[in-house]
Amino acid sequence: MACFSRIADILVEPEGTVWVAFSPASGETALLNDEGAAILEVLGDEPADALMVAAALADDIGLPAQQLALLVESHWPKLIDAGLIRVVDGAGPPPA
């Protein structure tokens, strides 16, 4: 499973009912919903796959990680296109 890493020095700020994210990699600003912003926050500085991100989110909202993993995976393309994350194959912590 592919891992993803947040681009360094992105800026994410709330603006009304959405989030505004600026990527120094693309030089563009993107509008995000709460889920997209939460994924970026949880992703942090360490590469992670969808299930790892979903597990962290599940702890906060009380839903099964497997269910949330599908939601996380659906956000990867937009976050990549916006220059906010990148694919890091084979990264992440070793299996337990």
Protein backbone atom coordinates (compact mmCIF):
# COMPACT_ATOMS: atom_id res chain seq x y z
CA MET A 1 0.00 0.00 0.00
CA ALA A 2 1.31 3.42 -0.91
CA CYS A 3 2.23 5.89 1.78
CA PHE A 4 1.77 9.62 1.56
CA SER A 5 3.68 12.54 3.00
CA ARG A 6 2.55 16.11 3.56
CA ILE A 7 4.48 18.72 1.57
CA ALA A 8 6.71 20.83 3.82
CA ASP A 9 5.60 24.31 4.81
CA ILE A 10 2.00 24.12 3.62
CA LEU A 11 -0.37 26.56 5.28
CA VAL A 12 -3.89 25.50 6.28
CA GLU A 13 -6.28 28.01 7.83
CA PRO A 14 -10.04 28.02 8.51
CA GLU A 15 -12.11 30.43 6.43
CA GLY A 16 -15.79 30.37 7.32
CA THR A 17 -17.13 26.86 6.70
CA VAL A 18 -14.13 25.68 4.64
CA TRP A 19 -10.36 25.49 4.97
CA VAL A 20 -7.87 27.34 2.78
CA ALA A 21 -4.61 25.53 2.06
CA PHE A 22 -1.59 27.06 0.34
CA SER A 23 1.10 24.86 -1.17
CA PRO A 24 4.56 26.32 -1.72
CA ALA A 25 5.20 23.36 -4.06
CA SER A 26 2.47 24.36 -6.52
CA GLY A 27 2.16 28.05 -5.59
CA GLU A 28 -1.60 27.59 -5.51
CA THR A 29 -4.33 27.82 -2.92
CA ALA A 30 -6.99 25.14 -2.54
CA LEU A 31 -10.28 25.02 -0.65
CA LEU A 32 -10.72 21.97 1.57
CA ASN A 33 -13.60 20.51 3.51
CA ASP A 34 -13.21 19.44 7.14
CA GLU A 35 -12.16 15.93 6.15
CA GLY A 36 -9.36 17.13 3.87
CA ALA A 37 -8.02 19.46 6.54
CA ALA A 38 -8.19 16.70 9.17
CA ILE A 39 -6.26 14.32 6.90
CA LEU A 40 -3.49 16.92 6.48
CA GLU A 41 -3.36 17.50 10.22
CA VAL A 42 -3.15 13.81 11.05
CA LEU A 43 -0.65 13.09 8.28
CA GLY A 44 1.81 15.45 9.93
CA ASP A 45 5.48 15.09 9.08
CA GLU A 46 5.66 11.29 8.94
CA PRO A 47 4.57 9.30 5.88
CA ALA A 48 1.46 7.19 6.39
CA ASP A 49 -0.98 5.08 4.42
CA ALA A 50 -4.75 5.47 4.38
CA LEU A 51 -5.33 2.97 7.18
CA MET A 52 -2.81 4.68 9.47
CA VAL A 53 -4.46 8.08 8.90
CA ALA A 54 -7.91 6.53 9.32
CA ALA A 55 -6.89 4.90 12.61
CA ALA A 56 -5.82 8.28 14.01
CA LEU A 57 -9.06 9.90 12.84
CA ALA A 58 -11.13 7.00 14.19
CA ASP A 59 -9.78 7.63 17.67
CA ASP A 60 -11.09 11.20 17.50
CA ILE A 61 -14.56 10.53 16.10
CA GLY A 62 -15.39 7.00 17.18
CA LEU A 63 -15.88 5.35 13.77
CA PRO A 64 -14.20 2.16 12.55
CA ALA A 65 -10.83 2.79 10.90
CA GLN A 66 -11.68 0.51 7.96
CA GLN A 67 -14.73 2.65 7.15
CA LEU A 68 -12.71 5.85 7.36
CA ALA A 69 -9.88 4.44 5.22
CA LEU A 70 -12.17 4.56 2.18
CA LEU A 71 -12.91 8.23 2.87
CA VAL A 72 -9.20 8.99 3.29
CA GLU A 73 -8.35 7.21 0.03
CA SER A 74 -10.98 9.26 -1.82
CA HIS A 75 -9.19 12.46 -0.74
CA TRP A 76 -5.67 11.48 -1.93
CA PRO A 77 -6.14 12.58 -5.58
CA LYS A 78 -7.36 16.09 -4.71
CA LEU A 79 -4.65 16.59 -2.10
CA ILE A 80 -1.98 15.43 -4.57
CA ASP A 81 -3.34 17.63 -7.37
CA ALA A 82 -3.36 20.62 -5.01
CA GLY A 83 0.33 20.04 -4.20
CA LEU A 84 -0.41 19.36 -0.53
CA ILE A 85 0.78 15.75 -0.30
CA ARG A 86 2.97 13.40 -2.32
CA VAL A 87 3.24 9.64 -2.75
CA VAL A 88 6.11 8.01 -0.86
CA ASP A 89 6.07 4.31 -1.83
CA GLY A 90 7.43 1.94 0.75
CA ALA A 91 7.65 4.61 3.46
CA GLY A 92 6.16 4.48 6.90
CA PRO A 93 6.87 2.47 10.03
CA PRO A 94 7.55 -1.26 9.78
CA PRO A 95 4.64 -3.62 10.41
CA ALA A 96 4.03 -4.58 14.03
